[in-house]
Structure formats: C-alpha cells, structure tokens
PDB file of N, CA and C in Angstrom:
ATOM      1  N   UNK A   1     -12.370   6.840 -41.483  1.00  0.00           N
ATOM      2  CA  UNK A   1     -13.180   6.298 -40.409  1.00  0.00           C
ATOM      3  C   UNK A   1     -12.426   5.153 -39.739  1.00  0.00           C
ATOM      4  N   UNK A   2     -12.742   4.923 -38.498  1.00  0.00           N
ATOM      5  CA  UNK A   2     -12.048   3.908 -37.715  1.00  0.00           C
ATOM      6  C   UNK A   2     -12.312   2.506 -38.249  1.00  0.00           C
ATOM      7  N   UNK A   3     -11.282   1.684 -38.233  1.00  0.00           N
ATOM      8  CA  UNK A   3     -11.367   0.272 -38.616  1.00  0.00           C
ATOM      9  C   UNK A   3     -11.878   0.039 -40.033  1.00  0.00           C
ATOM     10  N   UNK A   4     -11.642   0.966 -40.935  1.00  0.00           N
ATOM     11  CA  UNK A   4     -12.020   0.761 -42.322  1.00  0.00           C
ATOM     12  C   UNK A   4     -10.792   0.403 -43.136  1.00  0.00           C
ATOM     13  N   UNK A   5     -11.022  -0.414 -44.139  1.00  0.00           N
ATOM     14  CA  UNK A   5      -9.976  -0.904 -45.010  1.00  0.00           C
ATOM     15  C   UNK A   5     -10.409  -0.687 -46.449  1.00  0.00           C
ATOM     16  N   UNK A   6      -9.465  -0.562 -47.367  1.00  0.00           N
ATOM     17  CA  UNK A   6      -9.805  -0.450 -48.782  1.00  0.00           C
ATOM     18  C   UNK A   6      -9.831  -1.836 -49.397  1.00  0.00           C
ATOM     19  N   UNK A   7     -10.912  -2.117 -50.133  1.00  0.00           N
ATOM     20  CA  UNK A   7     -11.093  -3.402 -50.793  1.00  0.00           C
ATOM     21  C   UNK A   7     -11.143  -3.195 -52.301  1.00  0.00           C
ATOM     22  N   UNK A   8     -10.593  -4.149 -53.041  1.00  0.00           N
ATOM     23  CA  UNK A   8     -10.567  -4.087 -54.490  1.00  0.00           C
ATOM     24  C   UNK A   8     -11.457  -5.190 -55.054  1.00  0.00           C
ATOM     25  N   UNK A   9     -12.369  -4.802 -55.954  1.00  0.00           N
ATOM     26  CA  UNK A   9     -13.263  -5.758 -56.610  1.00  0.00           C
ATOM     27  C   UNK A   9     -13.819  -5.100 -57.857  1.00  0.00           C
ATOM     28  N   UNK A  10     -14.430  -5.910 -58.717  1.00  0.00           N
ATOM     29  CA  UNK A  10     -14.996  -5.420 -59.973  1.00  0.00           C
ATOM     30  C   UNK A  10     -16.463  -5.812 -60.055  1.00  0.00           C
ATOM     31  N   UNK A  11     -17.288  -4.857 -60.451  1.00  0.00           N
ATOM     32  CA  UNK A  11     -18.693  -5.131 -60.720  1.00  0.00           C
ATOM     33  C   UNK A  11     -18.885  -5.152 -62.228  1.00  0.00           C
ATOM     34  N   UNK A  12     -19.548  -6.183 -62.725  1.00  0.00           N
ATOM     35  CA  UNK A  12     -19.896  -6.301 -64.137  1.00  0.00           C
ATOM     36  C   UNK A  12     -21.343  -5.850 -64.272  1.00  0.00           C
ATOM     37  N   UNK A  13     -21.598  -4.863 -65.135  1.00  0.00           N
ATOM     38  CA  UNK A  13     -22.942  -4.342 -65.293  1.00  0.00           C
ATOM     39  C   UNK A  13     -23.753  -5.222 -66.241  1.00  0.00           C
ATOM     40  N   UNK A  14     -25.007  -5.421 -65.923  1.00  0.00           N
ATOM     41  CA  UNK A  14     -25.911  -6.248 -66.729  1.00  0.00           C
ATOM     42  C   UNK A  14     -26.535  -5.408 -67.835  1.00  0.00           C
ATOM     43  N   UNK A  15     -26.564  -5.960 -69.054  1.00  0.00           N
ATOM     44  CA  UNK A  15     -27.266  -5.321 -70.153  1.00  0.00           C
ATOM     45  C   UNK A  15     -26.611  -4.078 -70.727  1.00  0.00           C
ATOM     46  N   UNK A  16     -25.368  -3.801 -70.338  1.00  0.00           N
ATOM     47  CA  UNK A  16     -24.653  -2.644 -70.868  1.00  0.00           C
ATOM     48  C   UNK A  16     -23.436  -3.180 -71.609  1.00  0.00           C
ATOM     49  N   UNK A  17     -23.317  -2.841 -72.889  1.00  0.00           N
ATOM     50  CA  UNK A  17     -22.244  -3.428 -73.694  1.00  0.00           C
ATOM     51  C   UNK A  17     -21.162  -2.439 -74.093  1.00  0.00           C
ATOM     52  N   UNK A  18     -21.440  -1.144 -73.914  1.00  0.00           N
ATOM     53  CA  UNK A  18     -20.456  -0.137 -74.309  1.00  0.00           C
ATOM     54  C   UNK A  18     -20.482   1.025 -73.325  1.00  0.00           C
ATOM     55  N   UNK A  19     -19.312   1.439 -72.909  1.00  0.00           N
ATOM     56  CA  UNK A  19     -19.196   2.555 -71.967  1.00  0.00           C
ATOM     57  C   UNK A  19     -19.313   3.871 -72.717  1.00  0.00           C
ATOM     58  N   UNK A  20     -20.082   4.787 -72.159  1.00  0.00           N
ATOM     59  CA  UNK A  20     -20.195   6.140 -72.715  1.00  0.00           C
ATOM     60  C   UNK A  20     -19.893   7.144 -71.609  1.00  0.00           C
ATOM     61  N   UNK A  21     -19.676   8.377 -72.007  1.00  0.00           N
ATOM     62  CA  UNK A  21     -19.417   9.417 -71.012  1.00  0.00           C
ATOM     63  C   UNK A  21     -20.647   9.633 -70.125  1.00  0.00           C
ATOM     64  N   UNK A  22     -21.853   9.409 -70.671  1.00  0.00           N
ATOM     65  CA  UNK A  22     -23.072   9.554 -69.867  1.00  0.00           C
ATOM     66  C   UNK A  22     -23.146   8.480 -68.789  1.00  0.00           C
ATOM     67  N   UNK A  23     -22.764   7.261 -69.120  1.00  0.00           N
ATOM     68  CA  UNK A  23     -22.751   6.175 -68.132  1.00  0.00           C
ATOM     69  C   UNK A  23     -21.726   6.473 -67.055  1.00  0.00           C
ATOM     70  N   UNK A  24     -20.534   6.886 -67.467  1.00  0.00           N
ATOM     71  CA  UNK A  24     -19.478   7.199 -66.498  1.00  0.00           C
ATOM     72  C   UNK A  24     -19.912   8.323 -65.565  1.00  0.00           C
ATOM     73  N   UNK A  25     -20.539   9.351 -66.106  1.00  0.00           N
ATOM     74  CA  UNK A  25     -20.999  10.481 -65.295  1.00  0.00           C
ATOM     75  C   UNK A  25     -22.100  10.043 -64.329  1.00  0.00           C
ATOM     76  N   UNK A  26     -23.039   9.226 -64.792  1.00  0.00           N
ATOM     77  CA  UNK A  26     -24.116   8.750 -63.924  1.00  0.00           C
ATOM     78  C   UNK A  26     -23.552   7.934 -62.764  1.00  0.00           C
ATOM     79  N   UNK A  27     -22.565   7.096 -63.039  1.00  0.00           N
ATOM     80  CA  UNK A  27     -21.940   6.308 -61.976  1.00  0.00           C
ATOM     81  C   UNK A  27     -21.227   7.222 -60.978  1.00  0.00           C
ATOM     82  N   UNK A  28     -20.487   8.193 -61.468  1.00  0.00           N
ATOM     83  CA  UNK A  28     -19.754   9.114 -60.595  1.00  0.00           C
ATOM     84  C   UNK A  28     -20.715   9.876 -59.683  1.00  0.00           C
ATOM     85  N   UNK A  29     -21.766  10.422 -60.264  1.00  0.00           N
ATOM     86  CA  UNK A  29     -22.735  11.220 -59.502  1.00  0.00           C
ATOM     87  C   UNK A  29     -23.460  10.381 -58.460  1.00  0.00           C
ATOM     88  N   UNK A  30     -23.663   9.097 -58.739  1.00  0.00           N
ATOM     89  CA  UNK A  30     -24.411   8.234 -57.819  1.00  0.00           C
ATOM     90  C   UNK A  30     -23.575   7.730 -56.648  1.00  0.00           C
ATOM     91  N   UNK A  31     -22.281   8.063 -56.617  1.00  0.00           N
ATOM     92  CA  UNK A  31     -21.451   7.659 -55.486  1.00  0.00           C
ATOM     93  C   UNK A  31     -20.331   6.705 -55.843  1.00  0.00           C
ATOM     94  N   UNK A  32     -20.162   6.429 -57.126  1.00  0.00           N
ATOM     95  CA  UNK A  32     -19.101   5.507 -57.564  1.00  0.00           C
ATOM     96  C   UNK A  32     -17.822   6.258 -57.901  1.00  0.00           C
ATOM     97  N   UNK A  33     -17.538   7.331 -57.165  1.00  0.00           N
ATOM     98  CA  UNK A  33     -16.337   8.117 -57.442  1.00  0.00           C
ATOM     99  C   UNK A  33     -15.058   7.388 -57.032  1.00  0.00           C
ATOM    100  N   UNK A  34     -15.189   6.250 -56.369  1.00  0.00           N
ATOM    101  CA  UNK A  34     -14.036   5.414 -56.027  1.00  0.00           C
ATOM    102  C   UNK A  34     -13.933   4.218 -56.972  1.00  0.00           C
ATOM    103  N   UNK A  35     -14.649   4.287 -58.080  1.00  0.00           N
ATOM    104  CA  UNK A  35     -14.626   3.220 -59.077  1.00  0.00           C
ATOM    105  C   UNK A  35     -14.154   3.750 -60.420  1.00  0.00           C
ATOM    106  N   UNK A  36     -13.569   2.863 -61.207  1.00  0.00           N
ATOM    107  CA  UNK A  36     -13.103   3.222 -62.540  1.00  0.00           C
ATOM    108  C   UNK A  36     -13.882   2.399 -63.559  1.00  0.00           C
ATOM    109  N   UNK A  37     -14.772   3.051 -64.317  1.00  0.00           N
ATOM    110  CA  UNK A  37     -15.522   2.309 -65.317  1.00  0.00           C
ATOM    111  C   UNK A  37     -14.664   2.006 -66.537  1.00  0.00           C
ATOM    112  N   UNK A  38     -14.964   0.891 -67.180  1.00  0.00           N
ATOM    113  CA  UNK A  38     -14.269   0.505 -68.394  1.00  0.00           C
ATOM    114  C   UNK A  38     -15.105  -0.485 -69.164  1.00  0.00           C
ATOM    115  N   UNK A  39     -14.655  -0.809 -70.377  1.00  0.00           N
ATOM    116  CA  UNK A  39     -15.367  -1.818 -71.160  1.00  0.00           C
ATOM    117  C   UNK A  39     -14.378  -2.626 -71.971  1.00  0.00           C
ATOM    118  N   UNK A  40     -14.729  -3.892 -72.147  1.00  0.00           N
ATOM    119  CA  UNK A  40     -13.896  -4.807 -72.911  1.00  0.00           C
ATOM    120  C   UNK A  40     -14.761  -5.993 -73.320  1.00  0.00           C
ATOM    121  N   UNK A  41     -14.674  -6.370 -74.576  1.00  0.00           N
ATOM    122  CA  UNK A  41     -15.394  -7.552 -75.036  1.00  0.00           C
ATOM    123  C   UNK A  41     -16.897  -7.484 -74.855  1.00  0.00           C
ATOM    124  N   UNK A  42     -17.480  -6.288 -74.971  1.00  0.00           N
ATOM    125  CA  UNK A  42     -18.925  -6.155 -74.851  1.00  0.00           C
ATOM    126  C   UNK A  42     -19.454  -6.143 -73.426  1.00  0.00           C
ATOM    127  N   UNK A  43     -18.563  -5.972 -72.450  1.00  0.00           N
ATOM    128  CA  UNK A  43     -18.987  -5.865 -71.047  1.00  0.00           C
ATOM    129  C   UNK A  43     -18.502  -4.546 -70.471  1.00  0.00           C
ATOM    130  N   UNK A  44     -19.355  -3.921 -69.686  1.00  0.00           N
ATOM    131  CA  UNK A  44     -18.969  -2.711 -68.967  1.00  0.00           C
ATOM    132  C   UNK A  44     -18.704  -3.107 -67.525  1.00  0.00           C
ATOM    133  N   UNK A  45     -17.561  -2.689 -67.029  1.00  0.00           N
ATOM    134  CA  UNK A  45     -17.142  -3.026 -65.673  1.00  0.00           C
ATOM    135  C   UNK A  45     -16.859  -1.748 -64.882  1.00  0.00           C
ATOM    136  N   UNK A  46     -16.886  -1.890 -63.572  1.00  0.00           N
ATOM    137  CA  UNK A  46     -16.449  -0.815 -62.689  1.00  0.00           C
ATOM    138  C   UNK A  46     -15.491  -1.441 -61.684  1.00  0.00           C
ATOM    139  N   UNK A  47     -14.225  -1.036 -61.745  1.00  0.00           N
ATOM    140  CA  UNK A  47     -13.214  -1.505 -60.802  1.00  0.00           C
ATOM    141  C   UNK A  47     -13.236  -0.587 -59.587  1.00  0.00           C
ATOM    142  N   UNK A  48     -13.527  -1.167 -58.432  1.00  0.00           N
ATOM    143  CA  UNK A  48     -13.649  -0.382 -57.210  1.00  0.00           C
ATOM    144  C   UNK A  48     -12.443  -0.552 -56.302  1.00  0.00           C
ATOM    145  N   UNK A  49     -12.121   0.518 -55.597  1.00  0.00           N
ATOM    146  CA  UNK A  49     -11.178   0.548 -54.486  1.00  0.00           C
ATOM    147  C   UNK A  49     -11.946   1.239 -53.365  1.00  0.00           C
ATOM    148  N   UNK A  50     -12.800   0.475 -52.698  1.00  0.00           N
ATOM    149  CA  UNK A  50     -13.765   1.046 -51.749  1.00  0.00           C
ATOM    150  C   UNK A  50     -13.341   0.827 -50.316  1.00  0.00           C
ATOM    151  N   UNK A  51     -13.433   1.886 -49.543  1.00  0.00           N
ATOM    152  CA  UNK A  51     -13.124   1.842 -48.118  1.00  0.00           C
ATOM    153  C   UNK A  51     -14.382   1.480 -47.353  1.00  0.00           C
ATOM    154  N   UNK A  52     -14.271   0.459 -46.482  1.00  0.00           N
ATOM    155  CA  UNK A  52     -15.419   0.005 -45.699  1.00  0.00           C
ATOM    156  C   UNK A  52     -14.936  -0.830 -44.526  1.00  0.00           C
ATOM    157  N   UNK A  53     -15.861  -1.183 -43.648  1.00  0.00           N
ATOM    158  CA  UNK A  53     -15.511  -1.986 -42.475  1.00  0.00           C
ATOM    159  C   UNK A  53     -15.357  -3.460 -42.810  1.00  0.00           C
ATOM    160  N   UNK A  54     -15.898  -3.892 -43.982  1.00  0.00           N
ATOM    161  CA  UNK A  54     -15.760  -5.287 -44.407  1.00  0.00           C
ATOM    162  C   UNK A  54     -15.907  -5.354 -45.922  1.00  0.00           C
ATOM    163  N   UNK A  55     -15.442  -6.452 -46.508  1.00  0.00           N
ATOM    164  CA  UNK A  55     -15.599  -6.658 -47.947  1.00  0.00           C
ATOM    165  C   UNK A  55     -17.075  -6.688 -48.312  1.00  0.00           C
ATOM    166  N   UNK A  56     -17.891  -7.352 -47.505  1.00  0.00           N
ATOM    167  CA  UNK A  56     -19.324  -7.427 -47.775  1.00  0.00           C
ATOM    168  C   UNK A  56     -19.950  -6.040 -47.819  1.00  0.00           C
ATOM    169  N   UNK A  57     -19.615  -5.201 -46.870  1.00  0.00           N
ATOM    170  CA  UNK A  57     -20.148  -3.843 -46.838  1.00  0.00           C
ATOM    171  C   UNK A  57     -19.680  -3.057 -48.053  1.00  0.00           C
ATOM    172  N   UNK A  58     -18.429  -3.210 -48.434  1.00  0.00           N
ATOM    173  CA  UNK A  58     -17.903  -2.516 -49.607  1.00  0.00           C
ATOM    174  C   UNK A  58     -18.679  -2.905 -50.861  1.00  0.00           C
ATOM    175  N   UNK A  59     -18.913  -4.194 -51.040  1.00  0.00           N
ATOM    176  CA  UNK A  59     -19.630  -4.669 -52.223  1.00  0.00           C
ATOM    177  C   UNK A  59     -21.088  -4.231 -52.181  1.00  0.00           C
ATOM    178  N   UNK A  60     -21.733  -4.377 -51.043  1.00  0.00           N
ATOM    179  CA  UNK A  60     -23.153  -3.988 -50.934  1.00  0.00           C
ATOM    180  C   UNK A  60     -23.357  -2.505 -51.245  1.00  0.00           C
ATOM    181  N   UNK A  61     -22.485  -1.648 -50.732  1.00  0.00           N
ATOM    182  CA  UNK A  61     -22.649  -0.216 -50.977  1.00  0.00           C
ATOM    183  C   UNK A  61     -22.329   0.133 -52.429  1.00  0.00           C
ATOM    184  N   UNK A  62     -21.386  -0.566 -53.035  1.00  0.00           N
ATOM    185  CA  UNK A  62     -21.073  -0.334 -54.448  1.00  0.00           C
ATOM    186  C   UNK A  62     -22.249  -0.750 -55.328  1.00  0.00           C
ATOM    187  N   UNK A  63     -22.845  -1.898 -55.045  1.00  0.00           N
ATOM    188  CA  UNK A  63     -24.018  -2.353 -55.800  1.00  0.00           C
ATOM    189  C   UNK A  63     -25.161  -1.350 -55.628  1.00  0.00           C
ATOM    190  N   UNK A  64     -25.348  -0.857 -54.428  1.00  0.00           N
ATOM    191  CA  UNK A  64     -26.390   0.152 -54.167  1.00  0.00           C
ATOM    192  C   UNK A  64     -26.142   1.410 -55.008  1.00  0.00           C
ATOM    193  N   UNK A  65     -24.889   1.861 -55.056  1.00  0.00           N
ATOM    194  CA  UNK A  65     -24.570   3.073 -55.802  1.00  0.00           C
ATOM    195  C   UNK A  65     -24.746   2.871 -57.307  1.00  0.00           C
ATOM    196  N   UNK A  66     -24.387   1.700 -57.819  1.00  0.00           N
ATOM    197  CA  UNK A  66     -24.601   1.386 -59.231  1.00  0.00           C
ATOM    198  C   UNK A  66     -26.104   1.388 -59.526  1.00  0.00           C
ATOM    199  N   UNK A  67     -26.899   0.838 -58.627  1.00  0.00           N
ATOM    200  CA  UNK A  67     -28.355   0.828 -58.793  1.00  0.00           C
ATOM    201  C   UNK A  67     -28.922   2.242 -58.807  1.00  0.00           C
ATOM    202  N   UNK A  68     -28.384   3.120 -57.956  1.00  0.00           N
ATOM    203  CA  UNK A  68     -28.826   4.515 -57.933  1.00  0.00           C
ATOM    204  C   UNK A  68     -28.568   5.199 -59.266  1.00  0.00           C
ATOM    205  N   UNK A  69     -27.534   4.741 -59.987  1.00  0.00           N
ATOM    206  CA  UNK A  69     -27.214   5.308 -61.310  1.00  0.00           C
ATOM    207  C   UNK A  69     -28.121   4.751 -62.396  1.00  0.00           C
ATOM    208  N   UNK A  70     -28.952   3.761 -62.043  1.00  0.00           N
ATOM    209  CA  UNK A  70     -29.894   3.199 -63.005  1.00  0.00           C
ATOM    210  C   UNK A  70     -29.426   1.929 -63.688  1.00  0.00           C
ATOM    211  N   UNK A  71     -28.412   1.273 -63.119  1.00  0.00           N
ATOM    212  CA  UNK A  71     -27.867   0.058 -63.722  1.00  0.00           C
ATOM    213  C   UNK A  71     -27.997  -1.112 -62.762  1.00  0.00           C
ATOM    214  N   UNK A  72     -27.941  -2.330 -63.336  1.00  0.00           N
ATOM    215  CA  UNK A  72     -27.972  -3.545 -62.535  1.00  0.00           C
ATOM    216  C   UNK A  72     -26.603  -4.207 -62.597  1.00  0.00           C
ATOM    217  N   UNK A  73     -26.272  -4.906 -61.538  1.00  0.00           N
ATOM    218  CA  UNK A  73     -25.008  -5.642 -61.478  1.00  0.00           C
ATOM    219  C   UNK A  73     -25.274  -7.089 -61.857  1.00  0.00           C
ATOM    220  N   UNK A  74     -24.534  -7.568 -62.835  1.00  0.00           N
ATOM    221  CA  UNK A  74     -24.644  -8.963 -63.257  1.00  0.00           C
ATOM    222  C   UNK A  74     -23.877  -9.874 -62.318  1.00  0.00           C
ATOM    223  N   UNK A  75     -22.658  -9.435 -61.961  1.00  0.00           N
ATOM    224  CA  UNK A  75     -21.845 -10.239 -61.038  1.00  0.00           C
ATOM    225  C   UNK A  75     -20.710  -9.404 -60.456  1.00  0.00           C
ATOM    226  N   UNK A  76     -20.115  -9.965 -59.417  1.00  0.00           N
ATOM    227  CA  UNK A  76     -18.958  -9.370 -58.751  1.00  0.00           C
ATOM    228  C   UNK A  76     -17.769 -10.274 -59.018  1.00  0.00           C
ATOM    229  N   UNK A  77     -16.621  -9.682 -59.327  1.00  0.00           N
ATOM    230  CA  UNK A  77     -15.398 -10.461 -59.522  1.00  0.00           C
ATOM    231  C   UNK A  77     -14.344 -10.001 -58.525  1.00  0.00           C
ATOM    232  N   UNK A  78     -13.668 -10.992 -57.946  1.00  0.00           N
ATOM    233  CA  UNK A  78     -12.569 -10.736 -57.015  1.00  0.00           C
ATOM    234  C   UNK A  78     -11.356 -11.510 -57.502  1.00  0.00           C
ATOM    235  N   UNK A  79     -10.227 -10.835 -57.684  1.00  0.00           N
ATOM    236  CA  UNK A  79      -8.998 -11.571 -57.975  1.00  0.00           C
ATOM    237  C   UNK A  79      -8.645 -12.385 -56.748  1.00  0.00           C
ATOM    238  N   UNK A  80      -8.649 -11.719 -55.645  1.00  0.00           N
ATOM    239  CA  UNK A  80      -8.554 -12.317 -54.312  1.00  0.00           C
ATOM    240  C   UNK A  80      -8.965 -11.201 -53.369  1.00  0.00           C
ATOM    241  N   UNK A  81      -9.709 -11.527 -52.349  1.00  0.00           N
ATOM    242  CA  UNK A  81     -10.161 -10.457 -51.446  1.00  0.00           C
ATOM    243  C   UNK A  81      -8.999  -9.927 -50.608  1.00  0.00           C
ATOM    244  N   UNK A  82      -8.097  -9.243 -51.278  1.00  0.00           N
ATOM    245  CA  UNK A  82      -6.895  -8.772 -50.596  1.00  0.00           C
ATOM    246  C   UNK A  82      -7.085  -7.363 -50.054  1.00  0.00           C
ATOM    247  N   UNK A  83      -6.357  -7.058 -49.030  1.00  0.00           N
ATOM    248  CA  UNK A  83      -6.353  -5.729 -48.441  1.00  0.00           C
ATOM    249  C   UNK A  83      -5.416  -4.853 -49.244  1.00  0.00           C
ATOM    250  N   UNK A  84      -5.856  -3.639 -49.523  1.00  0.00           N
ATOM    251  CA  UNK A  84      -4.983  -2.706 -50.205  1.00  0.00           C
ATOM    252  C   UNK A  84      -4.217  -1.861 -49.201  1.00  0.00           C
ATOM    253  N   UNK A  85      -4.905  -1.417 -48.160  1.00  0.00           N
ATOM    254  CA  UNK A  85      -4.252  -0.637 -47.109  1.00  0.00           C
ATOM    255  C   UNK A  85      -5.143  -0.600 -45.884  1.00  0.00           C
ATOM    256  N   UNK A  86      -4.550  -0.255 -44.780  1.00  0.00           N
ATOM    257  CA  UNK A  86      -5.310  -0.172 -43.531  1.00  0.00           C
ATOM    258  C   UNK A  86      -5.832   1.219 -43.325  1.00  0.00           C
TER     259      UNK A  86
END
C-alpha cells in the first residue's frame, strides 16, 4: 500500500507465562501473522514487523489483533522506533 512503512516493536502479553502451540496458532489466525511469538523469564512476547502508515497505527492494529486472539497486552516495547524499510 502507498506510504506504508514496516515498524518493529514488541507486545508483552498480560497474564500469560508460557507459550504454547495453541497460543501461537490463535495469534496467527487473529491476524498476527507478521509477529513472532516467544517466551522468556515467564513472559510471552510477540515481536512484530508490521507494515502501516504510522507507528501508532501499527501498534494499535497489533493490539487489536492480539485482543481478537483472546489476550491482553500488558505493554509495548520499542528498542527505538526505527524504520525497517520503505
């Protein structure tokens, strides 16, 4: 789509301490196919590389998709809001 950029960020899921294949499948089916779920230290995360017109839109749509899978987002982490590609 025109004027879209890929943004990199991580969503930390609330109340989920271990990743399972069912969680990964639910996230994928709900629209998080551009995210990579993982877990470390009792936290489940989803690393996104989402294409959108702005970082805010990328994060909002990712949170929406995680919610559609039945999960809540505890927080968003950004190493730096850097552009991956145009």
